[in-house]
Amino acid sequence: MSPEATDFLYPFIEGDERDSVSLLADLSASAEAKWAHSERLRQETLARCDDQLATIGEAMARRFEAGGQLFAFGNGGSATDADDVAQVFTRPPRGEPLPARSLVTDHAVLTALSNDIGFDVVFSRQLEAHGGPDDIAVGLSTSGNSENLLVAFRQAAKRGMLTVGLAGYDGGQMARCDELQHCLVVRSDSVHRIQESQAALIHALWSAVQSEYQAKGAA
């Protein structure tokens, strides 16, 4: 890997650096600054989205109670996050396991749709095949502009599904998508920090859904 590939992460590192003590101090300071930035953004995002999270959590709980399931999807790093969404709902650290699946895990389906039709439909065609009016579509994107997510949200809305999106920057096209009922935006231009805060939002949503289940059980 060329030095240029990591210069944006640690610009103070130079190829001829020989002072190990100074270098380690700079690395430590940089890591602490990134952690502080990440933690501040997470807290700010959760606070700003608090009312949204409660509303979405309640809506999701109603869908699960009606027998629905959650479908999660995204591209690149967001595909891994989609796997995590399915994992936290189906194998929660506590509370009620709920039906969820990631649409990025079936390699045969993804490659067949990409090769035979086009990458823009890799999620929408799966929702068309498996989604129903009691189900939930959760799409994750850092830019908010992924075309295959927008196509998937339109298909999900057509089928009466609850649509939830997580985006970064200013929300991109997802924030302006009429078929997307709920869009949680992490207001940052750092892909790394966006994904970290999106993970916090997902866990907050899961917690909100579990709270609804517990409240119903207590009643």
N, C-alpha and C. Protein backbone atom coordinates (compact mmCIF):
# COMPACT_ATOMS: atom_id res chain seq x y z
N MET A 1 0.85 -1.19 0.00
CA MET A 1 0.00 0.00 0.00
C MET A 1 0.88 1.24 0.00
N SER A 2 0.59 2.17 -0.87
CA SER A 2 1.39 3.39 -0.96
C SER A 2 1.11 4.29 0.22
N PRO A 3 2.06 5.13 0.61
CA PRO A 3 1.84 6.06 1.73
C PRO A 3 0.63 6.95 1.51
N GLU A 4 0.37 7.30 0.21
CA GLU A 4 -0.75 8.19 -0.07
C GLU A 4 -2.09 7.60 0.38
N ALA A 5 -2.17 6.26 0.43
CA ALA A 5 -3.43 5.62 0.76
C ALA A 5 -3.86 5.86 2.20
N THR A 6 -2.89 6.15 3.07
CA THR A 6 -3.22 6.37 4.48
C THR A 6 -2.87 7.78 4.96
N ASP A 7 -2.42 8.63 4.07
CA ASP A 7 -2.04 9.99 4.47
C ASP A 7 -3.20 10.76 5.09
N PHE A 8 -4.43 10.49 4.59
CA PHE A 8 -5.57 11.24 5.10
C PHE A 8 -5.92 10.85 6.53
N LEU A 9 -5.46 9.66 6.96
CA LEU A 9 -5.72 9.22 8.33
C LEU A 9 -4.70 9.80 9.30
N TYR A 10 -3.43 9.75 8.91
CA TYR A 10 -2.35 10.23 9.78
C TYR A 10 -1.39 11.09 8.97
N PRO A 11 -1.78 12.32 8.65
CA PRO A 11 -0.97 13.18 7.78
C PRO A 11 0.38 13.56 8.37
N PHE A 12 0.53 13.38 9.68
CA PHE A 12 1.79 13.78 10.31
C PHE A 12 2.88 12.71 10.15
N ILE A 13 2.53 11.53 9.65
CA ILE A 13 3.52 10.47 9.48
C ILE A 13 4.26 10.69 8.16
N GLU A 14 5.56 10.77 8.23
CA GLU A 14 6.37 10.94 7.03
C GLU A 14 7.26 9.72 6.85
N GLY A 15 7.60 9.46 5.62
CA GLY A 15 8.40 8.28 5.32
C GLY A 15 9.76 8.26 5.99
N ASP A 16 10.32 9.43 6.29
CA ASP A 16 11.65 9.49 6.89
C ASP A 16 11.59 9.74 8.40
N GLU A 17 10.43 9.51 9.02
CA GLU A 17 10.28 9.73 10.46
C GLU A 17 11.18 8.76 11.23
N ARG A 18 12.00 9.30 12.15
CA ARG A 18 12.92 8.47 12.93
C ARG A 18 12.70 8.62 14.42
N ASP A 19 11.99 9.63 14.86
CA ASP A 19 11.77 9.87 16.28
C ASP A 19 10.55 9.06 16.73
N SER A 20 10.81 7.85 17.25
CA SER A 20 9.72 6.94 17.60
C SER A 20 8.88 7.48 18.75
N VAL A 21 9.50 8.15 19.71
CA VAL A 21 8.75 8.68 20.85
C VAL A 21 7.75 9.74 20.39
N SER A 22 8.23 10.65 19.53
CA SER A 22 7.36 11.70 19.01
C SER A 22 6.26 11.11 18.13
N LEU A 23 6.62 10.11 17.32
CA LEU A 23 5.65 9.48 16.43
C LEU A 23 4.54 8.79 17.23
N LEU A 24 4.93 8.05 18.27
CA LEU A 24 3.94 7.36 19.10
C LEU A 24 3.03 8.35 19.83
N ALA A 25 3.61 9.46 20.26
CA ALA A 25 2.81 10.49 20.93
C ALA A 25 1.79 11.08 19.95
N ASP A 26 2.24 11.33 18.70
CA ASP A 26 1.32 11.86 17.69
C ASP A 26 0.21 10.86 17.37
N LEU A 27 0.58 9.59 17.27
CA LEU A 27 -0.42 8.55 17.00
C LEU A 27 -1.45 8.47 18.12
N SER A 28 -0.97 8.52 19.35
CA SER A 28 -1.86 8.47 20.50
C SER A 28 -2.81 9.66 20.53
N ALA A 29 -2.25 10.84 20.27
CA ALA A 29 -3.07 12.05 20.27
C ALA A 29 -4.11 12.01 19.15
N SER A 30 -3.72 11.48 17.99
CA SER A 30 -4.64 11.39 16.88
C SER A 30 -5.78 10.42 17.19
N ALA A 31 -5.44 9.27 17.78
CA ALA A 31 -6.46 8.28 18.13
C ALA A 31 -7.44 8.85 19.16
N GLU A 32 -6.91 9.57 20.14
CA GLU A 32 -7.77 10.17 21.17
C GLU A 32 -8.69 11.22 20.56
N ALA A 33 -8.17 12.00 19.62
CA ALA A 33 -9.00 13.03 18.97
C ALA A 33 -10.11 12.40 18.14
N LYS A 34 -9.78 11.32 17.43
CA LYS A 34 -10.80 10.63 16.62
C LYS A 34 -11.86 10.02 17.52
N TRP A 35 -11.45 9.43 18.64
CA TRP A 35 -12.41 8.86 19.57
C TRP A 35 -13.33 9.95 20.13
N ALA A 36 -12.75 11.08 20.52
CA ALA A 36 -13.54 12.18 21.07
C ALA A 36 -14.55 12.70 20.04
N HIS A 37 -14.09 12.84 18.79
CA HIS A 37 -14.97 13.29 17.72
C HIS A 37 -16.10 12.29 17.51
N SER A 38 -15.77 11.01 17.47
CA SER A 38 -16.77 9.97 17.26
C SER A 38 -17.80 9.95 18.38
N GLU A 39 -17.34 10.03 19.62
CA GLU A 39 -18.24 10.00 20.76
C GLU A 39 -19.15 11.23 20.77
N ARG A 40 -18.60 12.39 20.46
CA ARG A 40 -19.39 13.62 20.43
C ARG A 40 -20.47 13.53 19.34
N LEU A 41 -20.10 13.03 18.17
CA LEU A 41 -21.05 12.90 17.08
C LEU A 41 -22.15 11.90 17.42
N ARG A 42 -21.79 10.79 18.03
CA ARG A 42 -22.79 9.80 18.43
C ARG A 42 -23.80 10.40 19.39
N GLN A 43 -23.30 11.10 20.41
CA GLN A 43 -24.20 11.68 21.41
C GLN A 43 -25.09 12.76 20.79
N GLU A 44 -24.51 13.60 19.94
CA GLU A 44 -25.29 14.65 19.29
C GLU A 44 -26.36 14.05 18.37
N THR A 45 -25.99 13.00 17.64
CA THR A 45 -26.93 12.36 16.72
C THR A 45 -28.07 11.69 17.47
N LEU A 46 -27.75 10.96 18.52
CA LEU A 46 -28.79 10.30 19.30
C LEU A 46 -29.73 11.31 19.94
N ALA A 47 -29.19 12.42 20.44
CA ALA A 47 -30.03 13.44 21.05
C ALA A 47 -30.94 14.10 20.02
N ARG A 48 -30.38 14.43 18.85
CA ARG A 48 -31.16 15.09 17.81
C ARG A 48 -32.25 14.18 17.25
N CYS A 49 -31.97 12.87 17.19
CA CYS A 49 -32.91 11.91 16.60
C CYS A 49 -33.79 11.22 17.64
N ASP A 50 -33.76 11.70 18.87
CA ASP A 50 -34.46 11.00 19.95
C ASP A 50 -35.95 10.82 19.66
N ASP A 51 -36.64 11.86 19.23
CA ASP A 51 -38.07 11.75 18.95
C ASP A 51 -38.32 10.82 17.76
N GLN A 52 -37.47 10.93 16.75
CA GLN A 52 -37.60 10.04 15.59
C GLN A 52 -37.44 8.58 15.99
N LEU A 53 -36.44 8.32 16.83
CA LEU A 53 -36.17 6.95 17.26
C LEU A 53 -37.37 6.36 17.99
N ALA A 54 -38.01 7.16 18.84
CA ALA A 54 -39.19 6.67 19.57
C ALA A 54 -40.33 6.37 18.61
N THR A 55 -40.54 7.26 17.64
CA THR A 55 -41.61 7.07 16.66
C THR A 55 -41.37 5.84 15.79
N ILE A 56 -40.14 5.71 15.30
CA ILE A 56 -39.81 4.58 14.43
C ILE A 56 -39.84 3.28 15.22
N GLY A 57 -39.32 3.31 16.44
CA GLY A 57 -39.31 2.11 17.27
C GLY A 57 -40.71 1.59 17.52
N GLU A 58 -41.64 2.50 17.78
CA GLU A 58 -43.03 2.09 18.00
C GLU A 58 -43.63 1.51 16.73
N ALA A 59 -43.37 2.17 15.59
CA ALA A 59 -43.90 1.68 14.31
C ALA A 59 -43.33 0.31 13.97
N MET A 60 -42.04 0.10 14.22
CA MET A 60 -41.43 -1.19 13.96
C MET A 60 -42.00 -2.27 14.87
N ALA A 61 -42.21 -1.93 16.13
CA ALA A 61 -42.76 -2.91 17.07
C ALA A 61 -44.14 -3.37 16.61
N ARG A 62 -44.96 -2.43 16.08
CA ARG A 62 -46.29 -2.81 15.61
C ARG A 62 -46.18 -3.79 14.45
N ARG A 63 -45.22 -3.58 13.58
CA ARG A 63 -45.04 -4.50 12.44
C ARG A 63 -44.61 -5.88 12.92
N PHE A 64 -43.69 -5.92 13.87
CA PHE A 64 -43.27 -7.22 14.40
C PHE A 64 -44.43 -7.93 15.08
N GLU A 65 -45.23 -7.19 15.82
CA GLU A 65 -46.37 -7.78 16.52
C GLU A 65 -47.39 -8.35 15.54
N ALA A 66 -47.44 -7.77 14.34
CA ALA A 66 -48.37 -8.25 13.31
C ALA A 66 -47.79 -9.43 12.54
N GLY A 67 -46.60 -9.87 12.92
CA GLY A 67 -45.98 -11.02 12.25
C GLY A 67 -44.99 -10.65 11.17
N GLY A 68 -44.64 -9.38 11.07
CA GLY A 68 -43.71 -8.95 10.04
C GLY A 68 -42.26 -9.25 10.38
N GLN A 69 -41.41 -9.06 9.39
CA GLN A 69 -39.97 -9.23 9.59
C GLN A 69 -39.22 -8.05 9.00
N LEU A 70 -37.98 -7.92 9.40
CA LEU A 70 -37.15 -6.81 8.98
C LEU A 70 -36.18 -7.27 7.89
N PHE A 71 -36.05 -6.47 6.84
CA PHE A 71 -35.07 -6.71 5.78
C PHE A 71 -34.07 -5.56 5.79
N ALA A 72 -32.78 -5.87 5.94
CA ALA A 72 -31.74 -4.84 5.99
C ALA A 72 -30.83 -4.96 4.77
N PHE A 73 -30.35 -3.81 4.29
CA PHE A 73 -29.50 -3.84 3.09
C PHE A 73 -28.64 -2.58 3.01
N GLY A 74 -27.54 -2.70 2.29
CA GLY A 74 -26.61 -1.59 2.09
C GLY A 74 -25.45 -2.05 1.24
N ASN A 75 -24.59 -1.14 0.85
CA ASN A 75 -23.45 -1.44 -0.01
C ASN A 75 -22.13 -1.24 0.73
N GLY A 76 -21.12 -2.01 0.37
CA GLY A 76 -19.80 -1.83 0.96
C GLY A 76 -19.81 -2.04 2.46
N GLY A 77 -19.26 -1.06 3.20
CA GLY A 77 -19.27 -1.14 4.65
C GLY A 77 -20.68 -1.19 5.20
N SER A 78 -21.61 -0.55 4.51
CA SER A 78 -23.01 -0.57 4.95
C SER A 78 -23.63 -1.95 4.77
N ALA A 79 -23.07 -2.78 3.90
CA ALA A 79 -23.54 -4.16 3.78
C ALA A 79 -23.20 -4.93 5.05
N THR A 80 -22.00 -4.70 5.57
CA THR A 80 -21.62 -5.32 6.84
C THR A 80 -22.52 -4.82 7.96
N ASP A 81 -22.85 -3.53 7.94
CA ASP A 81 -23.76 -2.98 8.94
C ASP A 81 -25.14 -3.60 8.82
N ALA A 82 -25.58 -3.90 7.59
CA ALA A 82 -26.88 -4.55 7.39
C ALA A 82 -26.87 -5.94 8.04
N ASP A 83 -25.76 -6.65 7.92
CA ASP A 83 -25.63 -7.94 8.61
C ASP A 83 -25.76 -7.76 10.11
N ASP A 84 -25.16 -6.70 10.63
CA ASP A 84 -25.22 -6.43 12.08
C ASP A 84 -26.66 -6.11 12.52
N VAL A 85 -27.41 -5.41 11.66
CA VAL A 85 -28.81 -5.12 11.98
C VAL A 85 -29.58 -6.43 12.16
N ALA A 86 -29.44 -7.34 11.20
CA ALA A 86 -30.13 -8.62 11.29
C ALA A 86 -29.69 -9.39 12.53
N GLN A 87 -28.41 -9.32 12.85
CA GLN A 87 -27.87 -10.05 13.99
C GLN A 87 -28.45 -9.55 15.31
N VAL A 88 -28.50 -8.23 15.50
CA VAL A 88 -28.95 -7.69 16.79
C VAL A 88 -30.43 -7.96 17.01
N PHE A 89 -31.22 -8.03 15.93
CA PHE A 89 -32.64 -8.31 16.11
C PHE A 89 -32.92 -9.80 16.28
N THR A 90 -32.19 -10.65 15.57
CA THR A 90 -32.46 -12.08 15.67
C THR A 90 -31.76 -12.74 16.85
N ARG A 91 -30.61 -12.18 17.26
CA ARG A 91 -29.86 -12.73 18.39
C ARG A 91 -29.50 -11.62 19.35
N PRO A 92 -30.52 -11.04 19.99
CA PRO A 92 -30.29 -9.87 20.85
C PRO A 92 -29.57 -10.23 22.14
N PRO A 93 -28.85 -9.28 22.73
CA PRO A 93 -28.18 -9.53 24.00
C PRO A 93 -29.18 -9.74 25.14
N ARG A 94 -30.40 -9.28 24.93
CA ARG A 94 -31.46 -9.46 25.91
C ARG A 94 -32.79 -9.27 25.19
N GLY A 95 -33.87 -9.62 25.86
CA GLY A 95 -35.18 -9.37 25.29
C GLY A 95 -35.62 -10.39 24.26
N GLU A 96 -36.53 -9.97 23.41
CA GLU A 96 -37.22 -10.84 22.47
C GLU A 96 -36.49 -10.94 21.13
N PRO A 97 -36.11 -12.16 20.69
CA PRO A 97 -35.58 -12.31 19.33
C PRO A 97 -36.68 -11.99 18.31
N LEU A 98 -36.34 -11.26 17.28
CA LEU A 98 -37.31 -10.84 16.29
C LEU A 98 -36.82 -11.21 14.89
N PRO A 99 -37.74 -11.55 13.99
CA PRO A 99 -37.34 -12.01 12.65
C PRO A 99 -36.71 -10.90 11.80
N ALA A 100 -35.53 -11.15 11.31
CA ALA A 100 -34.82 -10.18 10.47
C ALA A 100 -33.84 -10.92 9.57
N ARG A 101 -33.56 -10.35 8.43
CA ARG A 101 -32.58 -10.94 7.52
C ARG A 101 -31.85 -9.84 6.76
N SER A 102 -30.62 -10.13 6.42
CA SER A 102 -29.82 -9.21 5.61
C SER A 102 -29.93 -9.63 4.15
N LEU A 103 -30.16 -8.68 3.27
CA LEU A 103 -30.30 -8.97 1.84
C LEU A 103 -28.96 -9.02 1.11
N VAL A 104 -27.86 -8.95 1.85
CA VAL A 104 -26.54 -8.99 1.20
C VAL A 104 -25.83 -10.32 1.39
N THR A 105 -26.47 -11.27 2.06
CA THR A 105 -25.77 -12.50 2.43
C THR A 105 -25.84 -13.60 1.37
N ASP A 106 -26.83 -13.55 0.48
CA ASP A 106 -26.99 -14.60 -0.53
C ASP A 106 -26.20 -14.22 -1.78
N HIS A 107 -25.01 -14.76 -1.91
CA HIS A 107 -24.13 -14.41 -3.02
C HIS A 107 -24.71 -14.81 -4.37
N ALA A 108 -25.40 -15.95 -4.40
CA ALA A 108 -25.98 -16.41 -5.66
C ALA A 108 -27.04 -15.43 -6.17
N VAL A 109 -27.89 -14.97 -5.26
CA VAL A 109 -28.94 -14.02 -5.64
C VAL A 109 -28.33 -12.69 -6.08
N LEU A 110 -27.37 -12.19 -5.30
CA LEU A 110 -26.75 -10.90 -5.62
C LEU A 110 -26.07 -10.93 -6.98
N THR A 111 -25.31 -11.98 -7.23
CA THR A 111 -24.57 -12.04 -8.50
C THR A 111 -25.49 -12.32 -9.67
N ALA A 112 -26.53 -13.11 -9.46
CA ALA A 112 -27.47 -13.40 -10.55
C ALA A 112 -28.21 -12.13 -10.96
N LEU A 113 -28.72 -11.39 -9.98
CA LEU A 113 -29.44 -10.16 -10.29
C LEU A 113 -28.52 -9.13 -10.93
N SER A 114 -27.31 -9.00 -10.39
CA SER A 114 -26.35 -8.02 -10.93
C SER A 114 -25.99 -8.36 -12.37
N ASN A 115 -25.75 -9.64 -12.65
CA ASN A 115 -25.31 -10.07 -13.96
C ASN A 115 -26.45 -10.06 -14.98
N ASP A 116 -27.62 -10.52 -14.56
CA ASP A 116 -28.72 -10.72 -15.51
C ASP A 116 -29.57 -9.47 -15.73
N ILE A 117 -29.67 -8.62 -14.70
CA ILE A 117 -30.55 -7.45 -14.81
C ILE A 117 -29.78 -6.16 -14.58
N GLY A 118 -29.13 -6.05 -13.43
CA GLY A 118 -28.37 -4.84 -13.11
C GLY A 118 -28.28 -4.66 -11.61
N PHE A 119 -27.23 -4.00 -11.16
CA PHE A 119 -26.98 -3.87 -9.73
C PHE A 119 -28.04 -3.01 -9.04
N ASP A 120 -28.70 -2.16 -9.76
CA ASP A 120 -29.69 -1.27 -9.15
C ASP A 120 -30.87 -2.03 -8.55
N VAL A 121 -31.08 -3.29 -8.96
CA VAL A 121 -32.26 -4.02 -8.49
C VAL A 121 -31.92 -5.13 -7.51
N VAL A 122 -30.69 -5.21 -7.04
CA VAL A 122 -30.30 -6.35 -6.20
C VAL A 122 -31.08 -6.42 -4.89
N PHE A 123 -31.57 -5.30 -4.40
CA PHE A 123 -32.36 -5.31 -3.17
C PHE A 123 -33.86 -5.25 -3.47
N SER A 124 -34.25 -4.47 -4.45
CA SER A 124 -35.68 -4.32 -4.75
C SER A 124 -36.30 -5.63 -5.21
N ARG A 125 -35.58 -6.41 -6.01
CA ARG A 125 -36.13 -7.68 -6.48
C ARG A 125 -36.31 -8.66 -5.32
N GLN A 126 -35.42 -8.60 -4.34
CA GLN A 126 -35.57 -9.48 -3.18
C GLN A 126 -36.78 -9.06 -2.33
N LEU A 127 -36.98 -7.75 -2.20
CA LEU A 127 -38.15 -7.27 -1.47
C LEU A 127 -39.44 -7.62 -2.23
N GLU A 128 -39.38 -7.56 -3.54
CA GLU A 128 -40.54 -7.93 -4.35
C GLU A 128 -40.89 -9.40 -4.13
N ALA A 129 -39.88 -10.23 -3.98
CA ALA A 129 -40.11 -11.66 -3.81
C ALA A 129 -40.53 -12.04 -2.39
N HIS A 130 -39.99 -11.34 -1.39
CA HIS A 130 -40.19 -11.78 -0.01
C HIS A 130 -40.94 -10.80 0.89
N GLY A 131 -41.02 -9.54 0.50
CA GLY A 131 -41.60 -8.53 1.38
C GLY A 131 -43.11 -8.49 1.33
N GLY A 132 -43.71 -8.11 2.46
CA GLY A 132 -45.16 -7.99 2.54
C GLY A 132 -45.55 -6.75 3.32
N PRO A 133 -46.85 -6.46 3.43
CA PRO A 133 -47.31 -5.23 4.05
C PRO A 133 -47.04 -5.10 5.55
N ASP A 134 -46.70 -6.20 6.21
CA ASP A 134 -46.37 -6.12 7.64
C ASP A 134 -44.87 -5.99 7.89
N ASP A 135 -44.07 -5.97 6.83
CA ASP A 135 -42.62 -6.03 6.95
C ASP A 135 -41.97 -4.64 7.02
N ILE A 136 -40.67 -4.67 7.29
CA ILE A 136 -39.88 -3.44 7.49
C ILE A 136 -38.66 -3.48 6.57
N ALA A 137 -38.41 -2.40 5.85
CA ALA A 137 -37.22 -2.28 5.01
C ALA A 137 -36.29 -1.24 5.63
N VAL A 138 -35.08 -1.67 5.98
CA VAL A 138 -34.09 -0.77 6.58
C VAL A 138 -32.87 -0.70 5.68
N GLY A 139 -32.62 0.46 5.09
CA GLY A 139 -31.48 0.63 4.20
C GLY A 139 -30.45 1.59 4.79
N LEU A 140 -29.18 1.23 4.65
CA LEU A 140 -28.09 2.04 5.20
C LEU A 140 -27.17 2.54 4.09
N SER A 141 -26.83 3.82 4.16
CA SER A 141 -25.92 4.42 3.19
C SER A 141 -25.18 5.56 3.87
N THR A 142 -23.90 5.74 3.56
CA THR A 142 -23.19 6.88 4.12
C THR A 142 -23.51 8.15 3.33
N SER A 143 -23.62 8.03 2.01
CA SER A 143 -23.88 9.21 1.17
C SER A 143 -25.36 9.57 1.12
N GLY A 144 -26.21 8.56 1.22
CA GLY A 144 -27.64 8.77 1.04
C GLY A 144 -28.05 8.80 -0.42
N ASN A 145 -27.13 8.46 -1.32
CA ASN A 145 -27.39 8.57 -2.75
C ASN A 145 -27.33 7.25 -3.50
N SER A 146 -27.29 6.13 -2.80
CA SER A 146 -27.16 4.83 -3.46
C SER A 146 -28.43 4.51 -4.24
N GLU A 147 -28.31 4.38 -5.54
CA GLU A 147 -29.47 4.17 -6.39
C GLU A 147 -30.21 2.88 -6.05
N ASN A 148 -29.46 1.81 -5.74
CA ASN A 148 -30.17 0.55 -5.46
C ASN A 148 -30.96 0.61 -4.15
N LEU A 149 -30.59 1.50 -3.23
CA LEU A 149 -31.40 1.70 -2.03
C LEU A 149 -32.68 2.47 -2.36
N LEU A 150 -32.54 3.49 -3.18
CA LEU A 150 -33.72 4.28 -3.57
C LEU A 150 -34.73 3.42 -4.32
N VAL A 151 -34.24 2.56 -5.20
CA VAL A 151 -35.12 1.65 -5.93
C VAL A 151 -35.79 0.67 -4.96
N ALA A 152 -35.03 0.21 -3.97
CA ALA A 152 -35.57 -0.72 -2.98
C ALA A 152 -36.65 -0.05 -2.13
N PHE A 153 -36.43 1.20 -1.73
CA PHE A 153 -37.45 1.90 -0.95
C PHE A 153 -38.74 2.08 -1.75
N ARG A 154 -38.60 2.35 -3.03
CA ARG A 154 -39.80 2.50 -3.87
C ARG A 154 -40.57 1.18 -3.95
N GLN A 155 -39.85 0.09 -4.10
CA GLN A 155 -40.49 -1.23 -4.14
C GLN A 155 -41.14 -1.56 -2.79
N ALA A 156 -40.43 -1.24 -1.71
CA ALA A 156 -40.96 -1.53 -0.38
C ALA A 156 -42.25 -0.74 -0.13
N ALA A 157 -42.25 0.54 -0.50
CA ALA A 157 -43.44 1.37 -0.32
C ALA A 157 -44.59 0.84 -1.15
N LYS A 158 -44.30 0.38 -2.35
CA LYS A 158 -45.32 -0.19 -3.24
C LYS A 158 -45.98 -1.40 -2.59
N ARG A 159 -45.22 -2.13 -1.78
CA ARG A 159 -45.74 -3.33 -1.13
C ARG A 159 -46.30 -3.04 0.26
N GLY A 160 -46.33 -1.78 0.66
CA GLY A 160 -46.90 -1.40 1.94
C GLY A 160 -45.99 -1.60 3.13
N MET A 161 -44.70 -1.79 2.87
CA MET A 161 -43.74 -2.01 3.95
C MET A 161 -43.42 -0.69 4.66
N LEU A 162 -43.01 -0.79 5.92
CA LEU A 162 -42.47 0.36 6.65
C LEU A 162 -41.05 0.60 6.14
N THR A 163 -40.72 1.81 5.74
CA THR A 163 -39.40 2.11 5.18
C THR A 163 -38.61 3.02 6.11
N VAL A 164 -37.39 2.58 6.42
CA VAL A 164 -36.51 3.30 7.33
C VAL A 164 -35.13 3.39 6.69
N GLY A 165 -34.56 4.58 6.64
CA GLY A 165 -33.24 4.76 6.06
C GLY A 165 -32.29 5.46 7.02
N LEU A 166 -31.01 5.11 6.91
CA LEU A 166 -29.96 5.77 7.66
C LEU A 166 -28.95 6.32 6.66
N ALA A 167 -28.66 7.61 6.76
CA ALA A 167 -27.76 8.26 5.81
C ALA A 167 -26.83 9.21 6.53
N GLY A 168 -25.78 9.64 5.82
CA GLY A 168 -24.83 10.61 6.35
C GLY A 168 -24.93 11.93 5.61
N TYR A 169 -23.93 12.78 5.81
CA TYR A 169 -23.88 14.09 5.17
C TYR A 169 -25.18 14.86 5.47
N ASP A 170 -25.92 15.29 4.44
CA ASP A 170 -27.20 15.98 4.67
C ASP A 170 -28.39 15.06 4.38
N GLY A 171 -28.12 13.77 4.25
CA GLY A 171 -29.16 12.80 3.94
C GLY A 171 -29.24 12.45 2.47
N GLY A 172 -28.65 13.29 1.62
CA GLY A 172 -28.62 13.01 0.19
C GLY A 172 -30.02 12.83 -0.40
N GLN A 173 -30.10 12.00 -1.43
CA GLN A 173 -31.38 11.74 -2.09
C GLN A 173 -32.35 10.97 -1.19
N MET A 174 -31.81 10.23 -0.24
CA MET A 174 -32.69 9.49 0.67
C MET A 174 -33.57 10.44 1.47
N ALA A 175 -33.01 11.56 1.89
CA ALA A 175 -33.77 12.54 2.69
C ALA A 175 -34.88 13.18 1.88
N ARG A 176 -34.77 13.10 0.54
CA ARG A 176 -35.78 13.70 -0.33
C ARG A 176 -36.63 12.66 -1.06
N CYS A 177 -36.50 11.41 -0.64
CA CYS A 177 -37.22 10.31 -1.28
C CYS A 177 -38.62 10.20 -0.69
N ASP A 178 -39.65 10.41 -1.51
CA ASP A 178 -41.02 10.38 -1.02
C ASP A 178 -41.42 9.02 -0.47
N GLU A 179 -40.82 7.96 -0.98
CA GLU A 179 -41.18 6.61 -0.55
C GLU A 179 -40.50 6.19 0.75
N LEU A 180 -39.58 7.01 1.24
CA LEU A 180 -38.88 6.71 2.49
C LEU A 180 -39.60 7.43 3.63
N GLN A 181 -40.25 6.66 4.49
CA GLN A 181 -41.05 7.26 5.55
C GLN A 181 -40.22 7.89 6.66
N HIS A 182 -39.10 7.26 6.99
CA HIS A 182 -38.27 7.74 8.09
C HIS A 182 -36.80 7.73 7.66
N CYS A 183 -36.13 8.87 7.79
CA CYS A 183 -34.72 8.96 7.44
C CYS A 183 -33.93 9.54 8.61
N LEU A 184 -33.05 8.74 9.17
CA LEU A 184 -32.18 9.15 10.27
C LEU A 184 -30.85 9.60 9.67
N VAL A 185 -30.50 10.86 9.89
CA VAL A 185 -29.31 11.43 9.25
C VAL A 185 -28.21 11.69 10.28
N VAL A 186 -27.01 11.20 9.98
CA VAL A 186 -25.82 11.51 10.76
C VAL A 186 -25.12 12.66 10.06
N ARG A 187 -25.13 13.83 10.65
CA ARG A 187 -24.64 15.03 9.97
C ARG A 187 -23.11 15.14 10.11
N SER A 188 -22.45 14.42 9.21
CA SER A 188 -20.98 14.41 9.17
C SER A 188 -20.55 14.13 7.75
N ASP A 189 -19.33 14.54 7.39
CA ASP A 189 -18.79 14.23 6.08
C ASP A 189 -17.66 13.22 6.17
N SER A 190 -17.54 12.54 7.32
CA SER A 190 -16.54 11.49 7.50
C SER A 190 -17.23 10.13 7.44
N VAL A 191 -16.87 9.33 6.45
CA VAL A 191 -17.50 8.01 6.30
C VAL A 191 -17.32 7.17 7.56
N HIS A 192 -16.14 7.22 8.16
CA HIS A 192 -15.87 6.43 9.36
C HIS A 192 -16.79 6.84 10.50
N ARG A 193 -16.87 8.15 10.75
CA ARG A 193 -17.71 8.63 11.86
C ARG A 193 -19.20 8.40 11.58
N ILE A 194 -19.61 8.52 10.31
CA ILE A 194 -21.00 8.26 9.96
C ILE A 194 -21.39 6.84 10.32
N GLN A 195 -20.56 5.88 9.91
CA GLN A 195 -20.90 4.47 10.17
C GLN A 195 -20.89 4.16 11.65
N GLU A 196 -20.00 4.78 12.40
CA GLU A 196 -19.98 4.56 13.85
C GLU A 196 -21.27 5.06 14.49
N SER A 197 -21.73 6.22 14.07
CA SER A 197 -22.97 6.77 14.62
C SER A 197 -24.19 6.01 14.12
N GLN A 198 -24.14 5.51 12.90
CA GLN A 198 -25.25 4.69 12.41
C GLN A 198 -25.39 3.41 13.23
N ALA A 199 -24.28 2.84 13.64
CA ALA A 199 -24.33 1.65 14.49
C ALA A 199 -25.04 1.98 15.81
N ALA A 200 -24.75 3.17 16.35
CA ALA A 200 -25.41 3.59 17.59
C ALA A 200 -26.91 3.77 17.37
N LEU A 201 -27.29 4.33 16.21
CA LEU A 201 -28.70 4.52 15.90
C LEU A 201 -29.43 3.18 15.78
N ILE A 202 -28.79 2.21 15.16
CA ILE A 202 -29.40 0.89 15.02
C ILE A 202 -29.66 0.26 16.39
N HIS A 203 -28.70 0.35 17.27
CA HIS A 203 -28.88 -0.22 18.61
C HIS A 203 -29.94 0.55 19.39
N ALA A 204 -30.05 1.86 19.15
CA ALA A 204 -31.09 2.64 19.80
C ALA A 204 -32.46 2.24 19.27
N LEU A 205 -32.56 1.96 17.97
CA LEU A 205 -33.82 1.49 17.41
C LEU A 205 -34.21 0.14 17.99
N TRP A 206 -33.24 -0.76 18.04
CA TRP A 206 -33.51 -2.08 18.63
C TRP A 206 -33.99 -1.93 20.07
N SER A 207 -33.35 -1.06 20.84
CA SER A 207 -33.73 -0.84 22.23
C SER A 207 -35.15 -0.28 22.32
N ALA A 208 -35.50 0.63 21.41
CA ALA A 208 -36.84 1.21 21.40
C ALA A 208 -37.89 0.15 21.11
N VAL A 209 -37.59 -0.73 20.18
CA VAL A 209 -38.52 -1.82 19.86
C VAL A 209 -38.69 -2.74 21.06
N GLN A 210 -37.58 -3.09 21.71
CA GLN A 210 -37.65 -3.96 22.89
C GLN A 210 -38.46 -3.31 24.01
N SER A 211 -38.31 -2.00 24.18
CA SER A 211 -39.06 -1.28 25.21
C SER A 211 -40.56 -1.38 24.95
N GLU A 212 -40.95 -1.29 23.67
CA GLU A 212 -42.35 -1.43 23.32
C GLU A 212 -42.87 -2.81 23.69
N TYR A 213 -42.07 -3.83 23.44
CA TYR A 213 -42.46 -5.20 23.77
C TYR A 213 -42.60 -5.37 25.28
N GLN A 214 -41.66 -4.81 26.03
CA GLN A 214 -41.71 -4.92 27.48
C GLN A 214 -42.92 -4.19 28.05
N ALA A 215 -43.22 -3.01 27.49
CA ALA A 215 -44.38 -2.23 27.94
C ALA A 215 -45.66 -3.00 27.67
N LYS A 216 -45.73 -3.64 26.52
CA LYS A 216 -46.92 -4.42 26.17
C LYS A 216 -47.07 -5.60 27.11
N GLY A 217 -45.93 -6.25 27.43
CA GLY A 217 -45.98 -7.39 28.35
C GLY A 217 -46.41 -6.99 29.75
N ALA A 218 -45.94 -5.81 30.21
CA ALA A 218 -46.29 -5.34 31.54
C ALA A 218 -47.77 -4.97 31.63
N ALA A 219 -48.30 -4.48 30.49
CA ALA A 219 -49.71 -4.10 30.46
C ALA A 219 -50.59 -5.34 30.47
